[in-house]
Amino acid sequence: RPAPVAPAQLPATMEESTEPKPAPDSPRPVSDEEVYKRWFGLADQDQDGRVTGKDAVEFFGLSGLPKEALSRAWQLADLNRQGYLGKDQFVRALRVIALVQNGTEVSKLSMDALDAAVAEGSLPVAELEGLAHDSSNMNNPFTAKAMSESLREVAERTGNTYPTKTTPGHHNPGSNPRGQRMTAAQATGIVDALKEIYKAKVRPVEEALKFGSFYSPLLTDGDFEGKPNVLLLGQYSTGKTTFIKHLLGTEYPGCNIGPEPTTDRFVVVMHGKEPRVTPGQTLAVQTDKPFTGLSTFGSAFLSKFQASSCDTKLLEEVTIIDTPGVLSGEKQRIDRGYSFTNVCEWFAARSDVILLLFDPHKLDISDEFKSVIASLRGHDDKVRVVLNKADQVSAQQLMRVYGALMWSLGKVFNTPEVCKVYVGSFNDQPLNTENNQLGAELFEKEQSDLKRDLLDIPQRSCDRKVNEFVKRVRACVTHAKIMMHLRGKMPMMAGFETKQKKLLGRLDKEFEECVHTHLIPKGDLPNGRRFAEICKGMPIWKMPKVDKKQMKALEEVLSVDIPEIMRRFDNPF
């Protein structure tokens, strides 16, 4: 027999290691957010990326909690009142459910309580009947049919049923099969429903009666889907650009700050991963952006318009619009090449908050500023006044400045009610207390209140879009009735131009007749002078007729469709 091979001569692959083998890696703990995002695919039954009220009632019913708790969970999740939950909102709702299951009283549920529990890491994963932590639409613990039946069974047992109207042939109200146009009834959110109603019932009338020339350009998808806007207006060197820098905590691309008029263009400060500047001509042709309507102001304006992208937290929620300083004195005679007032009016209609900035040393309101403020009529609820650089004057001077500002604003707004006024110094420098030692606490509170007001904007954005849509439809109904009234006064055969000139010359009387004949509220009547000016080059006798069916559909948008949308996408619990 051959001699045995010594261990030292064995190949390395055959040697037995005497070292202990490492233990297998322990599984990584899974966060509650990962679990909930897996469950999202189960709750989203039509896989459109949205958990609707119907989906939520059935899925959250698996928690076994009462309606009161689930209603509060939806309320805290859908802060922007969109009518549906995305993934992040879905996670938030389930964390609220976990809070309640962990012993928190419903009356004590709040965003602060939720944020504190998440920060502490003390929040367990919510318990839902029949679901494990690894359950997902790729690893469904139920078959599709069994899942649906289980959800319904639990919903009925807990009393969390969702009152919906079923339409034959439409098993999934939120679905939108490829190649088919979505209807308002199939929409899964408030904004989507408004878009479809506008395209189906409102836009055809607007196009036929040239409504865009009288009110504002026709709406695009970008107008509905855009982020909330904050519009800044004021005379030069009142601190508008510095105010934006103060809010963002950084300068945006292309900003200039100085005592002279430095901002010579309209600048949309929006969110972007990289700092960049986009020219106005490019913005006006991007249909996914809400600025296509600005092309009506021509190249003279678009050359003075740009967007600056900046990666800051605030811009993820809102868009800020910086404007050139309003001219005063002899400079008002300079022609900008475009109508500054009309552009401000266009932005005001699409803004959620309008800030008028004043300097204690420049309280005079020029003629151009008066016309700009006058163009804000109808948007009074959006207007806030900011008395900036208030730490540069003494307490006595500040009291006099505040009184003079309120008196001036009362004359310009021509209303007994005065809008909210914030007093402070909105810049990155520490407060100057040499002139007013008592004002430091006041300024800090005012700054805090203004920031809170701005941070609440996203929560009011959806309501604002509905409100603006309702105003537009009311204006369209009024416009249609007026145009039909004027067209009905035209002769049958000849003399059209002469008759139109005569009608426009006595437009106030025609408006008065419309009020009584067509039951138009006086507050809905347009500006007569502006209406006549636009009509001069527009042959009214060639306007197409709006039949009774179209008119009824338009009026039903206000009386039926909008109330139904608000009911359908309200808190489902």
Protein backbone atom coordinates (compact mmCIF):
# COMPACT_ATOMS: atom_id res chain seq x y z
CA ARG A 1 0.00 0.00 0.00
CA PRO A 2 1.34 3.43 -0.78
CA ALA A 3 2.37 5.56 2.14
CA PRO A 4 -0.30 8.06 3.28
CA VAL A 5 0.08 11.61 2.09
CA ALA A 6 1.11 14.03 4.77
CA PRO A 7 -1.39 16.76 5.55
CA ALA A 8 1.11 19.39 4.51
CA GLN A 9 1.17 17.91 1.00
CA LEU A 10 -2.65 18.01 0.52
CA PRO A 11 -3.93 20.51 -2.05
CA ALA A 12 -5.34 23.68 -0.55
CA THR A 13 -8.83 22.80 -1.75
CA MET A 14 -8.81 19.56 0.20
CA GLU A 15 -7.58 20.94 3.48
CA GLU A 16 -10.14 21.11 6.22
CA SER A 17 -10.14 24.49 7.87
CA THR A 18 -10.06 24.48 11.63
CA GLU A 19 -11.49 28.04 11.80
CA PRO A 20 -15.19 28.33 12.75
CA LYS A 21 -17.52 29.15 9.86
CA PRO A 22 -19.14 32.59 9.99
CA ALA A 23 -22.79 32.63 10.94
CA PRO A 24 -25.18 33.45 8.09
CA ASP A 25 -26.25 37.09 7.89
CA SER A 26 -29.31 37.80 9.99
CA PRO A 27 -32.23 39.21 7.99
CA ARG A 28 -32.34 42.98 7.82
CA PRO A 29 -35.21 44.43 9.85
CA VAL A 30 -37.94 45.72 7.58
CA SER A 31 -39.26 49.24 8.23
CA ASP A 32 -42.98 49.94 8.46
CA GLU A 33 -42.69 52.16 5.36
CA GLU A 34 -41.41 49.22 3.28
CA VAL A 35 -44.26 47.03 4.52
CA TYR A 36 -46.89 49.66 3.72
CA LYS A 37 -45.49 50.29 0.24
CA ARG A 38 -45.81 46.55 -0.43
CA TRP A 39 -49.40 46.69 0.74
CA PHE A 40 -50.08 49.66 -1.53
CA GLY A 41 -50.34 47.33 -4.52
CA LEU A 42 -53.01 45.33 -2.71
CA ALA A 43 -55.09 48.37 -1.77
CA ASP A 44 -54.78 49.89 -5.26
CA GLN A 45 -57.10 47.40 -6.91
CA ASP A 46 -56.98 48.92 -10.40
CA GLN A 47 -53.20 49.49 -10.24
CA ASP A 48 -53.41 53.14 -11.34
CA GLY A 49 -51.07 54.39 -8.61
CA ARG A 50 -53.92 55.83 -6.52
CA VAL A 51 -55.88 54.50 -3.57
CA THR A 52 -59.35 56.00 -3.95
CA GLY A 53 -61.96 56.44 -1.26
CA LYS A 54 -63.61 53.14 -2.26
CA ASP A 55 -60.26 51.32 -2.10
CA ALA A 56 -59.44 52.85 1.29
CA VAL A 57 -62.80 51.98 2.87
CA GLU A 58 -62.37 48.32 1.95
CA PHE A 59 -58.65 48.01 2.73
CA PHE A 60 -58.47 50.05 5.94
CA GLY A 61 -61.52 48.14 7.15
CA LEU A 62 -59.17 45.18 7.65
CA SER A 63 -57.79 47.05 10.67
CA GLY A 64 -61.06 46.54 12.57
CA LEU A 65 -61.03 50.17 13.76
CA PRO A 66 -64.23 52.25 13.98
CA LYS A 67 -65.16 54.83 11.35
CA GLU A 68 -64.11 57.72 13.59
CA ALA A 69 -60.49 56.51 13.64
CA LEU A 70 -60.38 55.70 9.93
CA SER A 71 -61.91 59.06 9.07
CA ARG A 72 -59.15 60.82 11.02
CA ALA A 73 -56.52 58.64 9.30
CA TRP A 74 -57.81 59.70 5.87
CA GLN A 75 -57.98 63.35 6.95
CA LEU A 76 -54.35 63.39 8.10
CA ALA A 77 -53.20 61.48 5.02
CA ASP A 78 -55.04 63.52 2.37
CA LEU A 79 -53.92 66.92 3.66
CA ASN A 80 -54.14 68.50 0.21
CA ARG A 81 -57.69 67.17 -0.31
CA GLN A 82 -56.92 65.57 -3.65
CA GLY A 83 -59.51 62.85 -3.13
CA TYR A 84 -57.05 59.95 -3.33
CA LEU A 85 -53.87 58.67 -1.64
CA GLY A 86 -50.50 58.21 -3.31
CA LYS A 87 -47.85 55.96 -1.77
CA ASP A 88 -46.58 58.54 0.71
CA GLN A 89 -50.10 59.46 1.83
CA PHE A 90 -51.01 55.76 2.08
CA VAL A 91 -48.02 55.20 4.39
CA ARG A 92 -49.12 58.14 6.54
CA ALA A 93 -52.67 56.78 6.83
CA LEU A 94 -51.46 53.36 7.97
CA ARG A 95 -49.14 54.96 10.51
CA VAL A 96 -52.14 56.78 11.98
CA ILE A 97 -53.97 53.45 12.12
CA ALA A 98 -50.94 51.94 13.90
CA LEU A 99 -51.02 54.82 16.40
CA VAL A 100 -54.63 54.08 17.28
CA GLN A 101 -53.96 50.34 17.52
CA ASN A 102 -51.06 51.20 19.85
CA GLY A 103 -53.43 52.97 22.25
CA THR A 104 -53.54 56.61 21.11
CA GLU A 105 -56.98 58.20 21.49
CA VAL A 106 -58.60 59.45 18.29
CA SER A 107 -59.09 62.91 19.81
CA LYS A 108 -55.31 63.20 20.30
CA LEU A 109 -54.35 62.26 16.74
CA SER A 110 -52.43 65.01 14.95
CA MET A 111 -49.51 65.46 12.57
CA ASP A 112 -47.30 66.49 15.50
CA ALA A 113 -48.16 63.31 17.40
CA LEU A 114 -47.53 61.21 14.30
CA ASP A 115 -44.18 62.90 13.52
CA ALA A 116 -43.07 62.44 17.13
CA ALA A 117 -43.92 58.71 17.10
CA VAL A 118 -42.09 58.19 13.79
CA ALA A 119 -39.04 60.11 15.04
CA GLU A 120 -38.88 57.99 18.21
CA GLY A 121 -39.12 54.77 16.20
CA SER A 122 -41.72 53.49 18.64
CA LEU A 123 -44.45 52.90 16.06
CA PRO A 124 -45.27 49.23 15.36
CA VAL A 125 -46.50 47.99 12.00
CA ALA A 126 -50.28 48.24 11.69
CA GLU A 127 -52.18 44.98 12.03
CA LEU A 128 -54.57 44.23 9.18
CA GLU A 129 -56.64 41.07 9.05
CA GLY A 130 -55.20 38.43 6.72
CA LEU A 131 -52.03 40.37 5.83
CA ALA A 132 -48.45 39.49 6.73
CA HIS A 133 -45.54 41.92 6.61
CA ASP A 134 -44.29 40.39 3.37
CA SER A 135 -47.68 40.48 1.64
CA SER A 136 -47.74 42.39 -1.66
CA ASN A 137 -49.40 42.28 -5.05
CA MET A 138 -46.51 40.03 -6.14
CA ASN A 139 -47.09 37.74 -3.14
CA ASN A 140 -50.84 38.03 -2.66
CA PRO A 141 -52.16 36.09 0.34
CA PHE A 142 -55.55 35.96 -1.40
CA THR A 143 -56.58 35.26 -4.93
CA ALA A 144 -57.96 38.33 -6.70
CA LYS A 145 -61.53 37.18 -6.17
CA ALA A 146 -60.97 36.06 -2.58
CA MET A 147 -59.22 39.34 -1.76
CA SER A 148 -62.14 41.35 -3.09
CA GLU A 149 -64.66 39.24 -1.22
CA SER A 150 -62.62 39.42 2.00
CA LEU A 151 -62.39 43.21 1.79
CA ARG A 152 -66.13 43.51 1.23
CA GLU A 153 -66.91 41.08 4.04
CA VAL A 154 -64.77 42.98 6.56
CA ALA A 155 -66.15 46.32 5.37
CA GLU A 156 -69.72 45.15 5.86
CA ARG A 157 -68.93 43.63 9.26
CA THR A 158 -67.31 46.85 10.54
CA GLY A 159 -69.91 49.11 8.91
CA ASN A 160 -67.28 50.79 6.69
CA THR A 161 -69.19 50.55 3.43
CA TYR A 162 -68.69 53.05 0.64
CA PRO A 163 -71.89 54.31 -1.03
CA THR A 164 -71.11 54.24 -4.74
CA LYS A 165 -73.29 54.09 -7.81
CA THR A 166 -72.42 51.16 -10.04
CA THR A 167 -72.66 51.52 -13.78
CA PRO A 168 -73.19 48.41 -15.91
CA GLY A 169 -70.02 47.46 -17.71
CA HIS A 170 -67.79 49.58 -15.48
CA HIS A 171 -66.43 47.33 -12.75
CA ASN A 172 -63.66 49.76 -11.91
CA PRO A 173 -64.61 53.46 -11.81
CA GLY A 174 -60.98 54.54 -11.64
CA SER A 175 -59.76 52.59 -14.65
CA ASN A 176 -58.88 54.15 -17.96
CA PRO A 177 -58.30 51.48 -20.61
CA ARG A 178 -55.61 52.29 -23.15
CA GLY A 179 -57.03 54.07 -26.17
CA GLN A 180 -60.19 55.24 -24.39
CA ARG A 181 -60.71 58.75 -23.09
CA MET A 182 -61.41 59.00 -19.38
CA THR A 183 -64.72 60.54 -18.34
CA ALA A 184 -65.42 62.60 -15.23
CA ALA A 185 -67.20 59.59 -13.73
CA GLN A 186 -64.06 57.48 -14.14
CA ALA A 187 -61.69 60.06 -12.64
CA THR A 188 -59.92 59.07 -9.44
CA GLY A 189 -59.20 62.57 -8.15
CA ILE A 190 -60.74 66.04 -8.00
CA VAL A 191 -58.29 67.60 -10.46
CA ASP A 192 -58.75 64.79 -13.02
CA ALA A 193 -62.53 65.16 -12.78
CA LEU A 194 -62.31 68.94 -13.32
CA LYS A 195 -60.12 68.42 -16.39
CA GLU A 196 -62.59 66.03 -18.00
CA ILE A 197 -65.61 68.24 -17.24
CA TYR A 198 -63.77 71.22 -18.73
CA LYS A 199 -62.88 69.36 -21.93
CA ALA A 200 -66.35 67.86 -22.38
CA LYS A 201 -68.68 70.73 -21.41
CA VAL A 202 -66.88 74.04 -20.94
CA ARG A 203 -64.10 74.30 -23.51
CA PRO A 204 -66.36 73.79 -26.60
CA VAL A 205 -68.42 76.86 -25.57
CA GLU A 206 -65.28 78.88 -24.79
CA GLU A 207 -63.82 78.12 -28.21
CA ALA A 208 -67.03 78.96 -30.05
CA LEU A 209 -67.58 82.32 -28.32
CA LYS A 210 -63.90 83.45 -28.17
CA PHE A 211 -64.04 83.40 -24.39
CA GLY A 212 -60.25 83.33 -24.14
CA SER A 213 -60.01 86.82 -25.65
CA PHE A 214 -62.28 88.29 -22.96
CA TYR A 215 -61.32 86.39 -19.79
CA SER A 216 -58.09 84.37 -20.04
CA PRO A 217 -56.59 81.86 -22.50
CA LEU A 218 -58.05 78.37 -22.74
CA LEU A 219 -56.86 76.01 -20.03
CA THR A 220 -54.39 73.18 -20.57
CA ASP A 221 -53.61 70.12 -18.44
CA GLY A 222 -50.67 72.04 -16.99
CA ASP A 223 -53.03 74.68 -15.59
CA PHE A 224 -54.88 72.01 -13.61
CA GLU A 225 -51.84 70.03 -12.48
CA GLY A 226 -49.46 72.88 -11.62
CA LYS A 227 -48.17 73.42 -8.08
CA PRO A 228 -49.56 76.22 -5.89
CA ASN A 229 -48.17 79.65 -6.82
CA VAL A 230 -47.08 82.58 -4.66
CA LEU A 231 -46.99 85.89 -6.56
CA LEU A 232 -44.85 88.80 -5.30
CA LEU A 233 -45.68 92.37 -6.36
CA GLY A 234 -44.25 95.70 -5.30
CA GLN A 235 -42.26 98.73 -6.35
CA TYR A 236 -38.55 98.36 -6.95
CA SER A 237 -36.21 97.83 -3.97
CA THR A 238 -38.98 96.77 -1.58
CA GLY A 239 -37.09 93.50 -1.01
CA LYS A 240 -39.00 91.03 -3.22
CA THR A 241 -35.95 89.04 -4.36
CA THR A 242 -34.38 89.20 -0.88
CA PHE A 243 -37.68 87.94 0.53
CA ILE A 244 -37.52 84.89 -1.78
CA LYS A 245 -33.91 84.25 -0.80
CA HIS A 246 -34.95 84.44 2.86
CA LEU A 247 -37.72 81.85 2.32
CA LEU A 248 -35.53 79.46 0.33
CA GLY A 249 -32.43 79.86 2.45
CA THR A 250 -30.36 80.27 -0.71
CA GLU A 251 -30.12 82.35 -3.87
CA TYR A 252 -31.88 81.09 -6.97
CA PRO A 253 -30.11 81.08 -10.38
CA GLY A 254 -30.13 84.49 -12.04
CA CYS A 255 -31.25 86.54 -9.03
CA ASN A 256 -29.83 90.03 -8.53
CA ILE A 257 -30.18 92.09 -5.37
CA GLY A 258 -29.41 95.80 -5.09
CA PRO A 259 -30.83 99.25 -4.29
CA GLU A 260 -31.54 99.91 -7.97
CA PRO A 261 -34.25 98.10 -10.02
CA THR A 262 -32.37 94.80 -10.46
CA THR A 263 -35.15 92.35 -11.40
CA ASP A 264 -36.14 93.34 -14.94
CA ARG A 265 -38.20 90.26 -15.77
CA PHE A 266 -40.83 87.86 -14.48
CA VAL A 267 -39.04 84.92 -12.86
CA VAL A 268 -40.78 81.68 -11.94
CA VAL A 269 -38.74 80.07 -9.14
CA MET A 270 -39.55 76.36 -9.30
CA HIS A 271 -38.16 73.07 -8.06
CA GLY A 272 -35.45 71.27 -9.98
CA LYS A 273 -32.67 68.84 -9.13
CA GLU A 274 -30.06 71.05 -10.78
CA PRO A 275 -29.76 74.86 -10.77
CA ARG A 276 -30.70 76.09 -14.23
CA VAL A 277 -32.43 78.91 -16.08
CA THR A 278 -35.08 78.21 -18.76
CA PRO A 279 -35.95 81.05 -21.20
CA GLY A 280 -39.55 82.18 -21.57
CA GLN A 281 -39.91 81.17 -25.22
CA THR A 282 -39.08 77.58 -24.27
CA LEU A 283 -41.47 77.58 -21.29
CA ALA A 284 -44.37 78.84 -23.40
CA VAL A 285 -44.33 75.76 -25.66
CA GLN A 286 -44.03 73.12 -22.91
CA THR A 287 -47.57 71.79 -22.49
CA ASP A 288 -46.70 70.01 -19.23
CA LYS A 289 -46.01 73.42 -17.68
CA PRO A 290 -48.82 75.89 -16.82
CA PHE A 291 -47.32 78.76 -18.86
CA THR A 292 -48.50 78.11 -22.42
CA GLY A 293 -51.17 80.81 -22.05
CA LEU A 294 -48.45 83.47 -21.72
CA SER A 295 -47.68 83.15 -25.44
CA THR A 296 -50.64 85.50 -26.06
CA PHE A 297 -48.52 88.38 -24.70
CA GLY A 298 -46.00 87.98 -27.52
CA SER A 299 -42.23 87.79 -27.83
CA ALA A 300 -41.73 91.19 -26.17
CA PHE A 301 -42.95 89.67 -22.91
CA LEU A 302 -41.47 86.18 -23.34
CA SER A 303 -38.01 87.73 -23.73
CA LYS A 304 -38.53 89.17 -20.24
CA PHE A 305 -39.75 85.89 -18.74
CA GLN A 306 -37.76 82.95 -17.39
CA ALA A 307 -37.85 80.04 -14.95
CA SER A 308 -35.12 79.41 -12.39
CA SER A 309 -34.85 75.88 -10.99
CA CYS A 310 -33.54 75.31 -7.49
CA ASP A 311 -33.44 72.22 -5.25
CA THR A 312 -35.00 73.34 -1.96
CA LYS A 313 -37.65 71.76 0.26
CA LEU A 314 -40.16 74.64 -0.04
CA LEU A 315 -40.14 74.54 -3.85
CA GLU A 316 -41.21 70.88 -3.76
CA GLU A 317 -44.57 72.18 -2.52
CA VAL A 318 -44.99 75.65 -4.07
CA THR A 319 -43.75 77.80 -6.95
CA ILE A 320 -42.75 81.43 -6.33
CA ILE A 321 -43.13 84.17 -8.96
CA ASP A 322 -40.79 87.16 -8.73
CA THR A 323 -41.79 90.25 -10.72
CA PRO A 324 -40.11 93.44 -11.95
CA GLY A 325 -40.54 96.45 -9.70
CA VAL A 326 -43.65 98.49 -10.41
CA LEU A 327 -42.64 101.81 -11.97
CA SER A 328 -43.27 105.17 -10.34
CA GLY A 329 -42.78 108.83 -11.24
CA GLU A 330 -41.50 109.66 -14.72
CA LYS A 331 -40.52 106.04 -15.33
CA GLN A 332 -44.21 105.14 -15.69
CA ARG A 333 -44.15 106.72 -19.15
CA ILE A 334 -41.66 104.13 -20.37
CA ASP A 335 -43.23 101.49 -22.60
CA ARG A 336 -42.26 97.99 -21.46
CA GLY A 337 -43.31 96.47 -24.79
CA TYR A 338 -46.10 94.45 -23.13
CA SER A 339 -49.02 95.10 -20.79
CA PHE A 340 -47.55 94.74 -17.31
CA THR A 341 -50.99 94.96 -15.70
CA ASN A 342 -52.48 92.23 -17.92
CA VAL A 343 -49.57 89.89 -17.22
CA CYS A 344 -49.98 90.46 -13.46
CA GLU A 345 -53.70 89.74 -13.83
CA TRP A 346 -52.90 86.46 -15.64
CA PHE A 347 -50.58 85.31 -12.86
CA ALA A 348 -52.98 86.49 -10.13
CA ALA A 349 -55.75 84.26 -11.49
CA ARG A 350 -53.41 81.25 -11.17
CA SER A 351 -51.88 82.09 -7.80
CA ASP A 352 -52.88 80.86 -4.36
CA VAL A 353 -51.37 83.79 -2.44
CA ILE A 354 -50.50 87.30 -3.68
CA LEU A 355 -48.00 89.25 -1.58
CA LEU A 356 -47.84 93.06 -1.95
CA LEU A 357 -44.51 94.25 -0.55
CA PHE A 358 -44.03 97.80 0.77
CA ASP A 359 -41.03 99.69 2.09
CA PRO A 360 -41.53 102.11 5.03
CA HIS A 361 -39.72 104.76 2.98
CA LYS A 362 -41.79 104.15 -0.21
CA LEU A 363 -45.44 104.15 0.75
CA ASP A 364 -46.65 106.13 -2.23
CA ILE A 365 -48.73 104.00 -4.60
CA SER A 366 -47.98 104.97 -8.20
CA ASP A 367 -50.53 104.97 -11.00
CA GLU A 368 -49.11 101.76 -12.43
CA PHE A 369 -49.28 100.09 -9.01
CA LYS A 370 -52.90 101.28 -8.66
CA SER A 371 -53.80 99.67 -11.98
CA VAL A 372 -52.06 96.45 -10.92
CA ILE A 373 -53.96 96.37 -7.61
CA ALA A 374 -57.20 97.12 -9.46
CA SER A 375 -56.54 94.09 -11.68
CA LEU A 376 -56.56 91.94 -8.54
CA ARG A 377 -60.29 92.59 -8.06
CA GLY A 378 -61.98 89.25 -7.51
CA HIS A 379 -58.85 87.81 -5.89
CA ASP A 380 -59.10 89.78 -2.65
CA ASP A 381 -59.04 86.62 -0.54
CA LYS A 382 -55.56 85.79 -1.85
CA VAL A 383 -53.96 89.18 -1.14
CA ARG A 384 -51.57 89.67 1.79
CA VAL A 385 -49.61 92.86 2.46
CA VAL A 386 -46.03 92.74 3.73
CA LEU A 387 -44.51 95.86 5.30
CA ASN A 388 -40.88 94.92 4.82
CA LYS A 389 -37.73 96.50 6.32
CA ALA A 390 -39.77 97.57 9.36
CA ASP A 391 -36.73 97.38 11.64
CA GLN A 392 -35.23 100.41 9.89
CA VAL A 393 -37.61 102.85 11.61
CA SER A 394 -38.39 103.64 15.25
CA ALA A 395 -41.49 102.42 17.07
CA GLN A 396 -43.18 105.81 16.71
CA GLN A 397 -42.36 106.02 13.02
CA LEU A 398 -43.56 102.46 12.47
CA MET A 399 -46.93 103.29 14.03
CA ARG A 400 -47.33 106.28 11.70
CA VAL A 401 -46.12 104.31 8.67
CA TYR A 402 -48.61 101.50 9.41
CA GLY A 403 -51.49 103.99 9.69
CA ALA A 404 -50.51 105.73 6.44
CA LEU A 405 -50.24 102.37 4.64
CA MET A 406 -53.70 101.28 5.77
CA TRP A 407 -55.19 104.59 4.68
CA SER A 408 -53.57 104.32 1.23
CA LEU A 409 -54.67 100.72 0.77
CA GLY A 410 -58.23 101.56 1.78
CA LYS A 411 -58.43 104.11 -1.03
CA VAL A 412 -56.92 101.79 -3.65
CA PHE A 413 -58.87 98.64 -2.78
CA ASN A 414 -62.03 100.70 -2.34
CA THR A 415 -63.47 98.28 0.22
CA PRO A 416 -64.27 98.67 3.92
CA GLU A 417 -62.40 95.45 4.72
CA VAL A 418 -58.63 95.57 4.83
CA CYS A 419 -56.45 92.59 3.89
CA LYS A 420 -54.02 90.95 6.29
CA VAL A 421 -50.80 92.97 6.87
CA TYR A 422 -47.54 91.36 8.05
CA VAL A 423 -44.91 93.65 9.58
CA GLY A 424 -41.27 92.58 9.74
CA SER A 425 -37.85 92.48 8.15
CA PHE A 426 -37.57 89.52 5.84
CA ASN A 427 -33.89 89.02 5.08
CA ASP A 428 -30.95 86.97 6.27
CA GLN A 429 -29.56 89.69 8.53
CA PRO A 430 -30.25 89.74 12.28
CA LEU A 431 -33.02 92.11 13.34
CA ASN A 432 -31.89 95.69 13.86
CA THR A 433 -33.12 96.67 17.34
CA GLU A 434 -31.24 99.98 17.64
CA ASN A 435 -34.22 101.99 16.41
CA ASN A 436 -36.97 99.86 17.97
CA GLN A 437 -36.05 97.61 20.89
CA LEU A 438 -39.70 96.73 21.52
CA GLY A 439 -40.25 95.50 17.94
CA ALA A 440 -38.01 92.41 17.98
CA GLU A 441 -40.67 90.15 19.51
CA LEU A 442 -43.37 91.57 17.22
CA PHE A 443 -41.26 91.04 14.08
CA GLU A 444 -40.42 87.45 15.03
CA LYS A 445 -44.09 86.60 15.60
CA GLU A 446 -45.09 88.25 12.32
CA GLN A 447 -42.42 86.33 10.42
CA SER A 448 -43.57 83.09 12.04
CA ASP A 449 -47.22 83.79 11.12
CA LEU A 450 -46.33 84.57 7.50
CA LYS A 451 -44.24 81.42 7.12
CA ARG A 452 -47.08 79.36 8.60
CA ASP A 453 -49.49 80.97 6.13
CA LEU A 454 -47.21 80.05 3.22
CA LEU A 455 -46.63 76.49 4.44
CA ASP A 456 -50.41 75.95 4.60
CA ILE A 457 -50.75 76.77 0.90
CA PRO A 458 -50.48 73.17 -0.41
CA GLN A 459 -53.34 72.10 1.86
CA ARG A 460 -55.57 74.78 0.31
CA SER A 461 -54.39 74.29 -3.26
CA CYS A 462 -57.02 71.79 -4.41
CA ASP A 463 -59.83 73.88 -2.91
CA ARG A 464 -58.40 76.93 -4.69
CA LYS A 465 -58.39 75.10 -8.04
CA VAL A 466 -62.04 74.16 -7.56
CA ASN A 467 -62.87 77.75 -6.59
CA GLU A 468 -61.07 79.19 -9.64
CA PHE A 469 -62.77 76.65 -11.90
CA VAL A 470 -66.18 77.62 -10.54
CA LYS A 471 -65.40 81.32 -11.13
CA ARG A 472 -64.34 80.56 -14.70
CA VAL A 473 -67.48 78.54 -15.46
CA ARG A 474 -69.68 81.31 -14.01
CA ALA A 475 -67.86 83.83 -16.20
CA CYS A 476 -68.33 81.55 -19.22
CA VAL A 477 -72.08 81.22 -18.56
CA THR A 478 -72.38 85.00 -18.24
CA HIS A 479 -70.32 85.53 -21.40
CA ALA A 480 -72.46 83.09 -23.37
CA LYS A 481 -75.69 84.80 -22.29
CA ILE A 482 -74.35 88.27 -23.15
CA MET A 483 -73.07 87.21 -26.59
CA MET A 484 -76.34 85.47 -27.40
CA HIS A 485 -78.24 88.57 -26.27
CA LEU A 486 -76.16 90.86 -28.51
CA ARG A 487 -76.34 88.44 -31.42
CA GLY A 488 -80.12 88.34 -31.10
CA LYS A 489 -80.22 92.15 -31.54
CA MET A 490 -78.49 91.95 -34.93
CA PRO A 491 -80.50 92.61 -38.13
CA MET A 492 -81.42 89.74 -40.44
CA MET A 493 -79.96 90.92 -43.75
CA ALA A 494 -77.63 93.96 -43.65
CA GLY A 495 -76.29 96.78 -41.47
CA PHE A 496 -74.42 94.48 -39.09
CA GLU A 497 -71.45 96.74 -38.43
CA THR A 498 -73.60 99.79 -37.78
CA LYS A 499 -75.83 97.88 -35.39
CA GLN A 500 -72.85 96.41 -33.52
CA LYS A 501 -71.32 99.88 -33.10
CA LYS A 502 -74.64 101.13 -31.73
CA LEU A 503 -74.95 98.21 -29.29
CA LEU A 504 -71.42 98.70 -27.99
CA GLY A 505 -72.09 102.41 -27.54
CA ARG A 506 -74.94 101.67 -25.13
CA LEU A 507 -73.43 98.56 -23.57
CA ASP A 508 -74.42 99.56 -20.03
CA LYS A 509 -78.10 99.49 -21.02
CA GLU A 510 -77.65 96.15 -22.79
CA PHE A 511 -76.00 94.71 -19.68
CA GLU A 512 -78.91 95.95 -17.58
CA GLU A 513 -81.33 94.25 -19.94
CA CYS A 514 -79.29 91.00 -19.71
CA VAL A 515 -79.57 91.12 -15.92
CA HIS A 516 -83.37 91.10 -16.08
CA THR A 517 -83.84 88.90 -19.16
CA HIS A 518 -81.25 86.20 -18.50
CA LEU A 519 -81.14 86.49 -14.68
CA ILE A 520 -77.43 87.33 -14.57
CA PRO A 521 -76.20 88.52 -11.15
CA LYS A 522 -74.85 92.07 -11.41
CA GLY A 523 -71.66 90.99 -9.68
CA ASP A 524 -70.92 88.59 -12.56
CA LEU A 525 -71.03 91.26 -15.28
CA PRO A 526 -67.67 91.97 -16.98
CA ASN A 527 -66.01 95.37 -17.22
CA GLY A 528 -68.11 97.18 -19.86
CA ARG A 529 -65.32 99.36 -21.26
CA ARG A 530 -62.92 96.43 -21.68
CA PHE A 531 -65.68 94.24 -23.16
CA ALA A 532 -66.54 96.90 -25.77
CA GLU A 533 -62.88 97.42 -26.64
CA ILE A 534 -62.39 93.71 -27.36
CA CYS A 535 -65.63 93.46 -29.35
CA LYS A 536 -64.66 96.28 -31.74
CA GLY A 537 -62.70 94.01 -34.05
CA MET A 538 -64.91 90.96 -33.54
CA PRO A 539 -68.01 90.48 -35.74
CA ILE A 540 -70.69 89.45 -33.25
CA TRP A 541 -73.15 88.47 -36.00
CA LYS A 542 -70.76 85.71 -37.09
CA MET A 543 -70.66 84.14 -33.66
CA PRO A 544 -72.10 80.58 -33.68
CA LYS A 545 -75.24 79.91 -31.70
CA VAL A 546 -75.02 78.01 -28.43
CA ASP A 547 -77.95 75.62 -28.42
CA LYS A 548 -80.09 74.95 -25.37
CA LYS A 549 -78.49 71.56 -24.82
CA GLN A 550 -74.98 73.07 -24.57
CA MET A 551 -76.21 75.86 -22.33
CA LYS A 552 -77.96 73.41 -20.02
CA ALA A 553 -74.82 71.26 -19.81
CA LEU A 554 -72.76 74.34 -18.96
CA GLU A 555 -75.13 75.39 -16.18
CA GLU A 556 -75.23 71.81 -14.83
CA VAL A 557 -71.48 72.00 -14.26
CA LEU A 558 -72.24 74.43 -11.42
CA SER A 559 -75.46 72.91 -10.14
CA VAL A 560 -74.73 69.17 -10.51
CA ASP A 561 -71.19 68.22 -11.53
CA ILE A 562 -69.10 70.26 -9.07
CA PRO A 563 -71.23 69.33 -6.01
CA GLU A 564 -71.09 65.68 -7.07
CA ILE A 565 -67.28 65.81 -7.41
CA MET A 566 -66.86 67.38 -3.98
CA ARG A 567 -69.16 64.75 -2.44
CA ARG A 568 -67.50 61.83 -4.24
CA PHE A 569 -63.95 62.79 -3.30
CA ASP A 570 -64.65 63.98 0.22
CA ASN A 571 -63.55 61.94 3.23
CA PRO A 572 -64.98 58.48 2.39
CA PHE A 573 -65.51 57.60 6.04
